[in-house]
């Protein structure tokens, strides 16, 4: 049965990781959901690539962090921070595509 990411994550955020990268953090409400998502490989480079409309090669890191029951994702910024036309120098609004994610895992 599908589950919405916003229902199983306590924190979904993004932040600047330097002028060329953004970091996305997903902190789960509990270890059980974290482990289910990892076991199902429900959040992978392909998903992030589709959500952010970037090549999979631009998904630089996708790191499970067991102590926090979290997944940290680093992507290449589409524009250099502060460049002409860049609209979010702090990267604080780039988590929005994750808010609509529905995962096909059992509750």
PDB file of N, CA and C in Angstrom:
ATOM      1  N   UNK A   1       0.842  -1.185   0.000  1.00  0.00           N
ATOM      2  CA  UNK A   1       0.000   0.000   0.000  1.00  0.00           C
ATOM      3  C   UNK A   1       0.884   1.244   0.000  1.00  0.00           C
ATOM      4  N   UNK A   2       0.608   2.211  -0.846  1.00  0.00           N
ATOM      5  CA  UNK A   2       1.429   3.423  -0.923  1.00  0.00           C
ATOM      6  C   UNK A   2       1.349   4.260   0.356  1.00  0.00           C
ATOM      7  N   UNK A   3       2.448   4.923   0.654  1.00  0.00           N
ATOM      8  CA  UNK A   3       2.517   5.816   1.808  1.00  0.00           C
ATOM      9  C   UNK A   3       3.201   7.116   1.379  1.00  0.00           C
ATOM     10  N   UNK A   4       2.672   8.219   1.873  1.00  0.00           N
ATOM     11  CA  UNK A   4       3.268   9.518   1.529  1.00  0.00           C
ATOM     12  C   UNK A   4       4.513   9.755   2.385  1.00  0.00           C
ATOM     13  N   UNK A   5       5.554  10.237   1.754  1.00  0.00           N
ATOM     14  CA  UNK A   5       6.792  10.512   2.470  1.00  0.00           C
ATOM     15  C   UNK A   5       6.550  11.496   3.618  1.00  0.00           C
ATOM     16  N   UNK A   6       5.706  12.488   3.402  1.00  0.00           N
ATOM     17  CA  UNK A   6       5.459  13.479   4.467  1.00  0.00           C
ATOM     18  C   UNK A   6       4.783  12.867   5.694  1.00  0.00           C
ATOM     19  N   UNK A   7       4.184  11.687   5.533  1.00  0.00           N
ATOM     20  CA  UNK A   7       3.539  11.034   6.668  1.00  0.00           C
ATOM     21  C   UNK A   7       4.502  10.177   7.493  1.00  0.00           C
ATOM     22  N   UNK A   8       5.656   9.870   6.933  1.00  0.00           N
ATOM     23  CA  UNK A   8       6.603   9.014   7.653  1.00  0.00           C
ATOM     24  C   UNK A   8       7.929   9.720   7.945  1.00  0.00           C
ATOM     25  N   UNK A   9       8.038  10.973   7.564  1.00  0.00           N
ATOM     26  CA  UNK A   9       9.249  11.747   7.821  1.00  0.00           C
ATOM     27  C   UNK A   9       8.939  12.873   8.799  1.00  0.00           C
ATOM     28  N   UNK A  10       9.783  12.999   9.803  1.00  0.00           N
ATOM     29  CA  UNK A  10       9.632  14.093  10.761  1.00  0.00           C
ATOM     30  C   UNK A  10      10.209  15.383  10.185  1.00  0.00           C
ATOM     31  N   UNK A  11      11.232  15.249   9.345  1.00  0.00           N
ATOM     32  CA  UNK A  11      11.897  16.409   8.747  1.00  0.00           C
ATOM     33  C   UNK A  11      12.197  16.100   7.292  1.00  0.00           C
ATOM     34  N   UNK A  12      11.849  17.038   6.433  1.00  0.00           N
ATOM     35  CA  UNK A  12      12.262  17.019   5.021  1.00  0.00           C
ATOM     36  C   UNK A  12      12.766  18.424   4.753  1.00  0.00           C
ATOM     37  N   UNK A  13      14.056  18.563   4.462  1.00  0.00           N
ATOM     38  CA  UNK A  13      14.612  19.906   4.293  1.00  0.00           C
ATOM     39  C   UNK A  13      15.717  19.907   3.242  1.00  0.00           C
ATOM     40  N   UNK A  14      16.050  21.112   2.830  1.00  0.00           N
ATOM     41  CA  UNK A  14      17.157  21.291   1.904  1.00  0.00           C
ATOM     42  C   UNK A  14      18.014  22.438   2.403  1.00  0.00           C
ATOM     43  N   UNK A  15      19.259  22.419   1.965  1.00  0.00           N
ATOM     44  CA  UNK A  15      20.167  23.494   2.353  1.00  0.00           C
ATOM     45  C   UNK A  15      21.329  23.571   1.379  1.00  0.00           C
ATOM     46  N   UNK A  16      21.947  24.705   1.399  1.00  0.00           N
ATOM     47  CA  UNK A  16      23.113  24.965   0.590  1.00  0.00           C
ATOM     48  C   UNK A  16      24.265  24.069   1.065  1.00  0.00           C
ATOM     49  N   UNK A  17      24.976  23.495   0.128  1.00  0.00           N
ATOM     50  CA  UNK A  17      26.148  22.686   0.466  1.00  0.00           C
ATOM     51  C   UNK A  17      27.356  23.222  -0.294  1.00  0.00           C
ATOM     52  N   UNK A  18      27.423  24.533  -0.394  1.00  0.00           N
ATOM     53  CA  UNK A  18      28.480  25.178  -1.152  1.00  0.00           C
ATOM     54  C   UNK A  18      27.912  25.754  -2.429  1.00  0.00           C
ATOM     55  N   UNK A  19      28.723  26.410  -3.213  1.00  0.00           N
ATOM     56  CA  UNK A  19      28.213  27.089  -4.405  1.00  0.00           C
ATOM     57  C   UNK A  19      27.730  26.158  -5.514  1.00  0.00           C
ATOM     58  N   UNK A  20      28.130  24.885  -5.463  1.00  0.00           N
ATOM     59  CA  UNK A  20      27.816  23.975  -6.556  1.00  0.00           C
ATOM     60  C   UNK A  20      26.888  22.818  -6.177  1.00  0.00           C
ATOM     61  N   UNK A  21      26.527  22.711  -4.902  1.00  0.00           N
ATOM     62  CA  UNK A  21      25.751  21.557  -4.455  1.00  0.00           C
ATOM     63  C   UNK A  21      24.641  21.951  -3.488  1.00  0.00           C
ATOM     64  N   UNK A  22      23.610  21.107  -3.454  1.00  0.00           N
ATOM     65  CA  UNK A  22      22.517  21.215  -2.494  1.00  0.00           C
ATOM     66  C   UNK A  22      22.423  19.901  -1.738  1.00  0.00           C
ATOM     67  N   UNK A  23      22.023  19.979  -0.482  1.00  0.00           N
ATOM     68  CA  UNK A  23      21.809  18.787   0.323  1.00  0.00           C
ATOM     69  C   UNK A  23      20.336  18.694   0.685  1.00  0.00           C
ATOM     70  N   UNK A  24      19.793  17.501   0.550  1.00  0.00           N
ATOM     71  CA  UNK A  24      18.417  17.200   0.938  1.00  0.00           C
ATOM     72  C   UNK A  24      18.487  16.226   2.097  1.00  0.00           C
ATOM     73  N   UNK A  25      17.741  16.504   3.154  1.00  0.00           N
ATOM     74  CA  UNK A  25      17.724  15.627   4.318  1.00  0.00           C
ATOM     75  C   UNK A  25      16.315  15.104   4.549  1.00  0.00           C
ATOM     76  N   UNK A  26      16.220  13.811   4.782  1.00  0.00           N
ATOM     77  CA  UNK A  26      14.953  13.177   5.157  1.00  0.00           C
ATOM     78  C   UNK A  26      15.214  12.453   6.469  1.00  0.00           C
ATOM     79  N   UNK A  27      14.556  12.907   7.527  1.00  0.00           N
ATOM     80  CA  UNK A  27      14.685  12.280   8.840  1.00  0.00           C
ATOM     81  C   UNK A  27      13.348  11.616   9.138  1.00  0.00           C
ATOM     82  N   UNK A  28      13.362  10.324   9.336  1.00  0.00           N
ATOM     83  CA  UNK A  28      12.124   9.563   9.496  1.00  0.00           C
ATOM     84  C   UNK A  28      11.581   9.659  10.922  1.00  0.00           C
ATOM     85  N   UNK A  29      10.277   9.430  11.044  1.00  0.00           N
ATOM     86  CA  UNK A  29       9.611   9.508  12.346  1.00  0.00           C
ATOM     87  C   UNK A  29      10.074   8.408  13.290  1.00  0.00           C
ATOM     88  N   UNK A  30      10.603   7.351  12.733  1.00  0.00           N
ATOM     89  CA  UNK A  30      11.099   6.258  13.568  1.00  0.00           C
ATOM     90  C   UNK A  30      11.979   5.325  12.765  1.00  0.00           C
ATOM     91  N   UNK A  31      12.715   4.520  13.483  1.00  0.00           N
ATOM     92  CA  UNK A  31      13.650   3.582  12.859  1.00  0.00           C
ATOM     93  C   UNK A  31      12.931   2.565  11.961  1.00  0.00           C
ATOM     94  N   UNK A  32      11.712   2.186  12.334  1.00  0.00           N
ATOM     95  CA  UNK A  32      10.978   1.196  11.543  1.00  0.00           C
ATOM     96  C   UNK A  32      10.721   1.703  10.120  1.00  0.00           C
ATOM     97  N   UNK A  33      10.229   2.928   9.996  1.00  0.00           N
ATOM     98  CA  UNK A  33       9.983   3.481   8.656  1.00  0.00           C
ATOM     99  C   UNK A  33      11.285   3.642   7.890  1.00  0.00           C
ATOM    100  N   UNK A  34      12.300   4.114   8.548  1.00  0.00           N
ATOM    101  CA  UNK A  34      13.620   4.272   7.928  1.00  0.00           C
ATOM    102  C   UNK A  34      14.086   2.937   7.346  1.00  0.00           C
ATOM    103  N   UNK A  35      14.004   1.884   8.140  1.00  0.00           N
ATOM    104  CA  UNK A  35      14.457   0.570   7.689  1.00  0.00           C
ATOM    105  C   UNK A  35      13.590   0.023   6.554  1.00  0.00           C
ATOM    106  N   UNK A  36      12.293   0.274   6.594  1.00  0.00           N
ATOM    107  CA  UNK A  36      11.413  -0.175   5.505  1.00  0.00           C
ATOM    108  C   UNK A  36      11.756   0.525   4.192  1.00  0.00           C
ATOM    109  N   UNK A  37      11.990   1.833   4.269  1.00  0.00           N
ATOM    110  CA  UNK A  37      12.336   2.590   3.065  1.00  0.00           C
ATOM    111  C   UNK A  37      13.655   2.089   2.489  1.00  0.00           C
ATOM    112  N   UNK A  38      14.631   1.857   3.350  1.00  0.00           N
ATOM    113  CA  UNK A  38      15.922   1.344   2.873  1.00  0.00           C
ATOM    114  C   UNK A  38      15.772  -0.048   2.270  1.00  0.00           C
ATOM    115  N   UNK A  39      15.036  -0.926   2.942  1.00  0.00           N
ATOM    116  CA  UNK A  39      14.871  -2.304   2.466  1.00  0.00           C
ATOM    117  C   UNK A  39      14.187  -2.342   1.103  1.00  0.00           C
ATOM    118  N   UNK A  40      13.263  -1.416   0.878  1.00  0.00           N
ATOM    119  CA  UNK A  40      12.535  -1.366  -0.396  1.00  0.00           C
ATOM    120  C   UNK A  40      13.303  -0.593  -1.463  1.00  0.00           C
ATOM    121  N   UNK A  41      14.430   0.003  -1.081  1.00  0.00           N
ATOM    122  CA  UNK A  41      15.195   0.856  -2.000  1.00  0.00           C
ATOM    123  C   UNK A  41      14.264   1.887  -2.651  1.00  0.00           C
ATOM    124  N   UNK A  42      13.372   2.435  -1.821  1.00  0.00           N
ATOM    125  CA  UNK A  42      12.311   3.319  -2.314  1.00  0.00           C
ATOM    126  C   UNK A  42      12.805   4.718  -2.657  1.00  0.00           C
ATOM    127  N   UNK A  43      13.887   5.143  -2.036  1.00  0.00           N
ATOM    128  CA  UNK A  43      14.475   6.443  -2.364  1.00  0.00           C
ATOM    129  C   UNK A  43      15.846   6.157  -2.949  1.00  0.00           C
ATOM    130  N   UNK A  44      15.946   6.355  -4.252  1.00  0.00           N
ATOM    131  CA  UNK A  44      17.187   6.049  -4.952  1.00  0.00           C
ATOM    132  C   UNK A  44      17.546   7.177  -5.918  1.00  0.00           C
ATOM    133  N   UNK A  45      18.671   7.028  -6.585  1.00  0.00           N
ATOM    134  CA  UNK A  45      19.149   8.055  -7.520  1.00  0.00           C
ATOM    135  C   UNK A  45      18.153   8.305  -8.648  1.00  0.00           C
ATOM    136  N   UNK A  46      17.497   7.272  -9.097  1.00  0.00           N
ATOM    137  CA  UNK A  46      16.529   7.411 -10.176  1.00  0.00           C
ATOM    138  C   UNK A  46      15.362   8.314  -9.755  1.00  0.00           C
ATOM    139  N   UNK A  47      14.841   8.100  -8.553  1.00  0.00           N
ATOM    140  CA  UNK A  47      13.747   8.929  -8.050  1.00  0.00           C
ATOM    141  C   UNK A  47      14.177  10.389  -7.947  1.00  0.00           C
ATOM    142  N   UNK A  48      15.336  10.628  -7.374  1.00  0.00           N
ATOM    143  CA  UNK A  48      15.809  12.002  -7.196  1.00  0.00           C
ATOM    144  C   UNK A  48      16.056  12.656  -8.556  1.00  0.00           C
ATOM    145  N   UNK A  49      16.599  11.906  -9.470  1.00  0.00           N
ATOM    146  CA  UNK A  49      16.822  12.398 -10.831  1.00  0.00           C
ATOM    147  C   UNK A  49      15.515  12.846 -11.474  1.00  0.00           C
ATOM    148  N   UNK A  50      14.476  12.037 -11.347  1.00  0.00           N
ATOM    149  CA  UNK A  50      13.171  12.393 -11.918  1.00  0.00           C
ATOM    150  C   UNK A  50      12.559  13.601 -11.213  1.00  0.00           C
ATOM    151  N   UNK A  51      12.602  13.593  -9.900  1.00  0.00           N
ATOM    152  CA  UNK A  51      11.996  14.687  -9.136  1.00  0.00           C
ATOM    153  C   UNK A  51      12.624  16.042  -9.450  1.00  0.00           C
ATOM    154  N   UNK A  52      13.949  16.034  -9.564  1.00  0.00           N
ATOM    155  CA  UNK A  52      14.672  17.292  -9.755  1.00  0.00           C
ATOM    156  C   UNK A  52      15.039  17.566 -11.212  1.00  0.00           C
ATOM    157  N   UNK A  53      14.613  16.649 -12.077  1.00  0.00           N
ATOM    158  CA  UNK A  53      14.856  16.805 -13.521  1.00  0.00           C
ATOM    159  C   UNK A  53      16.338  17.061 -13.813  1.00  0.00           C
ATOM    160  N   UNK A  54      17.136  16.184 -13.228  1.00  0.00           N
ATOM    161  CA  UNK A  54      18.582  16.250 -13.415  1.00  0.00           C
ATOM    162  C   UNK A  54      19.082  14.866 -13.825  1.00  0.00           C
ATOM    163  N   UNK A  55      20.234  14.799 -14.474  1.00  0.00           N
ATOM    164  CA  UNK A  55      20.792  13.482 -14.798  1.00  0.00           C
ATOM    165  C   UNK A  55      21.153  12.732 -13.509  1.00  0.00           C
ATOM    166  N   UNK A  56      21.050  11.413 -13.538  1.00  0.00           N
ATOM    167  CA  UNK A  56      21.418  10.617 -12.361  1.00  0.00           C
ATOM    168  C   UNK A  56      22.842  10.910 -11.912  1.00  0.00           C
ATOM    169  N   UNK A  57      23.710  11.246 -12.845  1.00  0.00           N
ATOM    170  CA  UNK A  57      25.099  11.567 -12.489  1.00  0.00           C
ATOM    171  C   UNK A  57      25.183  12.811 -11.604  1.00  0.00           C
ATOM    172  N   UNK A  58      24.156  13.642 -11.626  1.00  0.00           N
ATOM    173  CA  UNK A  58      24.136  14.842 -10.778  1.00  0.00           C
ATOM    174  C   UNK A  58      23.588  14.572  -9.386  1.00  0.00           C
ATOM    175  N   UNK A  59      23.178  13.340  -9.123  1.00  0.00           N
ATOM    176  CA  UNK A  59      22.845  12.914  -7.765  1.00  0.00           C
ATOM    177  C   UNK A  59      24.170  12.395  -7.204  1.00  0.00           C
ATOM    178  N   UNK A  60      24.868  13.253  -6.503  1.00  0.00           N
ATOM    179  CA  UNK A  60      26.254  12.980  -6.130  1.00  0.00           C
ATOM    180  C   UNK A  60      26.390  11.987  -4.973  1.00  0.00           C
ATOM    181  N   UNK A  61      25.509  12.089  -4.003  1.00  0.00           N
ATOM    182  CA  UNK A  61      25.557  11.207  -2.836  1.00  0.00           C
ATOM    183  C   UNK A  61      24.135  10.870  -2.414  1.00  0.00           C
ATOM    184  N   UNK A  62      23.941   9.666  -1.957  1.00  0.00           N
ATOM    185  CA  UNK A  62      22.685   9.246  -1.347  1.00  0.00           C
ATOM    186  C   UNK A  62      23.112   8.347  -0.191  1.00  0.00           C
ATOM    187  N   UNK A  63      23.104   8.924   1.010  1.00  0.00           N
ATOM    188  CA  UNK A  63      23.734   8.270   2.152  1.00  0.00           C
ATOM    189  C   UNK A  63      22.732   7.988   3.267  1.00  0.00           C
ATOM    190  N   UNK A  64      22.482   6.730   3.580  1.00  0.00           N
ATOM    191  CA  UNK A  64      21.687   6.411   4.771  1.00  0.00           C
ATOM    192  C   UNK A  64      22.527   6.733   6.010  1.00  0.00           C
ATOM    193  N   UNK A  65      21.904   7.342   7.008  1.00  0.00           N
ATOM    194  CA  UNK A  65      22.601   7.689   8.241  1.00  0.00           C
ATOM    195  C   UNK A  65      21.854   7.041   9.394  1.00  0.00           C
ATOM    196  N   UNK A  66      22.295   5.831   9.743  1.00  0.00           N
ATOM    197  CA  UNK A  66      21.599   5.015  10.737  1.00  0.00           C
ATOM    198  C   UNK A  66      21.380   5.695  12.087  1.00  0.00           C
ATOM    199  N   UNK A  67      22.387   6.379  12.657  1.00  0.00           N
ATOM    200  CA  UNK A  67      22.171   6.952  13.996  1.00  0.00           C
ATOM    201  C   UNK A  67      20.976   7.921  14.074  1.00  0.00           C
ATOM    202  N   UNK A  68      20.650   8.571  12.963  1.00  0.00           N
ATOM    203  CA  UNK A  68      19.540   9.532  12.966  1.00  0.00           C
ATOM    204  C   UNK A  68      18.312   9.008  12.233  1.00  0.00           C
ATOM    205  N   UNK A  69      18.345   7.778  11.743  1.00  0.00           N
ATOM    206  CA  UNK A  69      17.257   7.233  10.915  1.00  0.00           C
ATOM    207  C   UNK A  69      16.934   8.229   9.804  1.00  0.00           C
ATOM    208  N   UNK A  70      17.964   8.584   9.052  1.00  0.00           N
ATOM    209  CA  UNK A  70      17.851   9.643   8.041  1.00  0.00           C
ATOM    210  C   UNK A  70      18.558   9.244   6.753  1.00  0.00           C
ATOM    211  N   UNK A  71      18.175   9.928   5.691  1.00  0.00           N
ATOM    212  CA  UNK A  71      18.850   9.790   4.402  1.00  0.00           C
ATOM    213  C   UNK A  71      19.295  11.180   3.983  1.00  0.00           C
ATOM    214  N   UNK A  72      20.556  11.294   3.628  1.00  0.00           N
ATOM    215  CA  UNK A  72      21.125  12.558   3.154  1.00  0.00           C
ATOM    216  C   UNK A  72      21.434  12.399   1.672  1.00  0.00           C
ATOM    217  N   UNK A  73      20.976  13.364   0.888  1.00  0.00           N
ATOM    218  CA  UNK A  73      21.160  13.319  -0.557  1.00  0.00           C
ATOM    219  C   UNK A  73      21.852  14.617  -0.972  1.00  0.00           C
ATOM    220  N   UNK A  74      22.905  14.507  -1.759  1.00  0.00           N
ATOM    221  CA  UNK A  74      23.582  15.685  -2.282  1.00  0.00           C
ATOM    222  C   UNK A  74      23.455  15.680  -3.796  1.00  0.00           C
ATOM    223  N   UNK A  75      22.979  16.805  -4.324  1.00  0.00           N
ATOM    224  CA  UNK A  75      22.836  16.946  -5.774  1.00  0.00           C
ATOM    225  C   UNK A  75      23.619  18.168  -6.256  1.00  0.00           C
ATOM    226  N   UNK A  76      23.984  18.120  -7.509  1.00  0.00           N
ATOM    227  CA  UNK A  76      24.637  19.263  -8.132  1.00  0.00           C
ATOM    228  C   UNK A  76      23.579  20.349  -8.345  1.00  0.00           C
ATOM    229  N   UNK A  77      23.904  21.570  -7.981  1.00  0.00           N
ATOM    230  CA  UNK A  77      22.972  22.682  -8.175  1.00  0.00           C
ATOM    231  C   UNK A  77      22.785  22.929  -9.667  1.00  0.00           C
ATOM    232  N   UNK A  78      21.552  23.228 -10.085  1.00  0.00           N
ATOM    233  CA  UNK A  78      21.333  23.545 -11.496  1.00  0.00           C
ATOM    234  C   UNK A  78      22.022  24.844 -11.911  1.00  0.00           C
ATOM    235  N   UNK A  79      22.159  25.772 -10.967  1.00  0.00           N
ATOM    236  CA  UNK A  79      22.903  27.017 -11.190  1.00  0.00           C
ATOM    237  C   UNK A  79      23.802  27.258  -9.980  1.00  0.00           C
ATOM    238  N   UNK A  80      24.934  27.843 -10.220  1.00  0.00           N
ATOM    239  CA  UNK A  80      25.850  28.174  -9.133  1.00  0.00           C
ATOM    240  C   UNK A  80      25.159  29.153  -8.186  1.00  0.00           C
ATOM    241  N   UNK A  81      25.341  28.961  -6.887  1.00  0.00           N
ATOM    242  CA  UNK A  81      24.739  29.851  -5.890  1.00  0.00           C
ATOM    243  C   UNK A  81      25.148  31.290  -6.154  1.00  0.00           C
ATOM    244  N   UNK A  82      24.157  32.167  -6.223  1.00  0.00           N
ATOM    245  CA  UNK A  82      24.419  33.590  -6.433  1.00  0.00           C
ATOM    246  C   UNK A  82      24.578  33.994  -7.878  1.00  0.00           C
ATOM    247  N   UNK A  83      24.540  33.038  -8.790  1.00  0.00           N
ATOM    248  CA  UNK A  83      24.673  33.339 -10.218  1.00  0.00           C
ATOM    249  C   UNK A  83      23.424  34.080 -10.708  1.00  0.00           C
ATOM    250  N   UNK A  84      23.548  34.781 -11.793  1.00  0.00           N
ATOM    251  CA  UNK A  84      22.416  35.475 -12.390  1.00  0.00           C
ATOM    252  C   UNK A  84      21.317  34.451 -12.695  1.00  0.00           C
ATOM    253  N   UNK A  85      20.104  34.731 -12.249  1.00  0.00           N
ATOM    254  CA  UNK A  85      18.982  33.835 -12.485  1.00  0.00           C
ATOM    255  C   UNK A  85      18.782  32.786 -11.399  1.00  0.00           C
ATOM    256  N   UNK A  86      19.726  32.659 -10.495  1.00  0.00           N
ATOM    257  CA  UNK A  86      19.605  31.708  -9.392  1.00  0.00           C
ATOM    258  C   UNK A  86      18.642  32.310  -8.368  1.00  0.00           C
ATOM    259  N   UNK A  87      17.666  31.534  -7.902  1.00  0.00           N
ATOM    260  CA  UNK A  87      16.592  32.106  -7.091  1.00  0.00           C
ATOM    261  C   UNK A  87      16.596  31.696  -5.614  1.00  0.00           C
ATOM    262  N   UNK A  88      17.519  30.838  -5.200  1.00  0.00           N
ATOM    263  CA  UNK A  88      17.511  30.366  -3.813  1.00  0.00           C
ATOM    264  C   UNK A  88      18.941  30.122  -3.353  1.00  0.00           C
ATOM    265  N   UNK A  89      19.654  31.190  -3.081  1.00  0.00           N
ATOM    266  CA  UNK A  89      21.076  31.093  -2.751  1.00  0.00           C
ATOM    267  C   UNK A  89      21.328  30.207  -1.529  1.00  0.00           C
ATOM    268  N   UNK A  90      20.390  30.156  -0.593  1.00  0.00           N
ATOM    269  CA  UNK A  90      20.567  29.326   0.600  1.00  0.00           C
ATOM    270  C   UNK A  90      20.119  27.881   0.396  1.00  0.00           C
ATOM    271  N   UNK A  91      19.439  27.607  -0.694  1.00  0.00           N
ATOM    272  CA  UNK A  91      18.977  26.253  -0.963  1.00  0.00           C
ATOM    273  C   UNK A  91      17.871  25.797  -0.030  1.00  0.00           C
ATOM    274  N   UNK A  92      17.255  26.716   0.688  1.00  0.00           N
ATOM    275  CA  UNK A  92      16.287  26.374   1.729  1.00  0.00           C
ATOM    276  C   UNK A  92      14.900  26.022   1.206  1.00  0.00           C
ATOM    277  N   UNK A  93      14.669  26.207  -0.073  1.00  0.00           N
ATOM    278  CA  UNK A  93      13.345  25.929  -0.628  1.00  0.00           C
ATOM    279  C   UNK A  93      13.370  24.797  -1.651  1.00  0.00           C
ATOM    280  N   UNK A  94      14.447  24.069  -1.712  1.00  0.00           N
ATOM    281  CA  UNK A  94      14.610  23.062  -2.757  1.00  0.00           C
ATOM    282  C   UNK A  94      14.093  21.684  -2.376  1.00  0.00           C
ATOM    283  N   UNK A  95      13.550  21.541  -1.188  1.00  0.00           N
ATOM    284  CA  UNK A  95      13.011  20.250  -0.757  1.00  0.00           C
ATOM    285  C   UNK A  95      11.589  20.017  -1.268  1.00  0.00           C
ATOM    286  N   UNK A  96      10.964  21.034  -1.847  1.00  0.00           N
ATOM    287  CA  UNK A  96       9.552  20.955  -2.251  1.00  0.00           C
ATOM    288  C   UNK A  96       9.198  19.715  -3.082  1.00  0.00           C
ATOM    289  N   UNK A  97       9.995  19.291  -4.065  1.00  0.00           N
ATOM    290  CA  UNK A  97       9.605  18.092  -4.827  1.00  0.00           C
ATOM    291  C   UNK A  97       9.456  16.839  -3.957  1.00  0.00           C
ATOM    292  N   UNK A  98      10.142  16.776  -2.842  1.00  0.00           N
ATOM    293  CA  UNK A  98      10.039  15.611  -1.959  1.00  0.00           C
ATOM    294  C   UNK A  98       8.701  15.571  -1.220  1.00  0.00           C
ATOM    295  N   UNK A  99       8.037  16.699  -1.097  1.00  0.00           N
ATOM    296  CA  UNK A  99       6.798  16.771  -0.316  1.00  0.00           C
ATOM    297  C   UNK A  99       5.642  16.021  -0.951  1.00  0.00           C
ATOM    298  N   UNK A 100       5.709  15.774  -2.241  1.00  0.00           N
ATOM    299  CA  UNK A 100       4.636  15.072  -2.949  1.00  0.00           C
ATOM    300  C   UNK A 100       4.946  13.605  -3.223  1.00  0.00           C
ATOM    301  N   UNK A 101       6.066  13.126  -2.725  1.00  0.00           N
ATOM    302  CA  UNK A 101       6.486  11.750  -3.019  1.00  0.00           C
ATOM    303  C   UNK A 101       5.586  10.741  -2.310  1.00  0.00           C
ATOM    304  N   UNK A 102       5.160   9.750  -3.083  1.00  0.00           N
ATOM    305  CA  UNK A 102       4.401   8.620  -2.540  1.00  0.00           C
ATOM    306  C   UNK A 102       5.250   7.371  -2.795  1.00  0.00           C
ATOM    307  N   UNK A 103       5.531   6.636  -1.734  1.00  0.00           N
ATOM    308  CA  UNK A 103       6.364   5.445  -1.817  1.00  0.00           C
ATOM    309  C   UNK A 103       5.485   4.201  -1.807  1.00  0.00           C
ATOM    310  N   UNK A 104       5.866   3.224  -2.608  1.00  0.00           N
ATOM    311  CA  UNK A 104       5.115   1.979  -2.693  1.00  0.00           C
ATOM    312  C   UNK A 104       5.732   0.961  -1.727  1.00  0.00           C
ATOM    313  N   UNK A 105       5.471   1.180  -0.443  1.00  0.00           N
ATOM    314  CA  UNK A 105       5.934   0.248   0.584  1.00  0.00           C
ATOM    315  C   UNK A 105       4.799  -0.027   1.541  1.00  0.00           C
ATOM    316  N   UNK A 106       4.862  -1.144   2.185  1.00  0.00           N
ATOM    317  CA  UNK A 106       3.802  -1.531   3.120  1.00  0.00           C
ATOM    318  C   UNK A 106       3.888  -0.699   4.396  1.00  0.00           C
ATOM    319  N   UNK A 107       2.735  -0.222   4.880  1.00  0.00           N
ATOM    320  CA  UNK A 107       2.735   0.548   6.141  1.00  0.00           C
ATOM    321  C   UNK A 107       2.971  -0.336   7.358  1.00  0.00           C
TER     322      UNK A 107
END
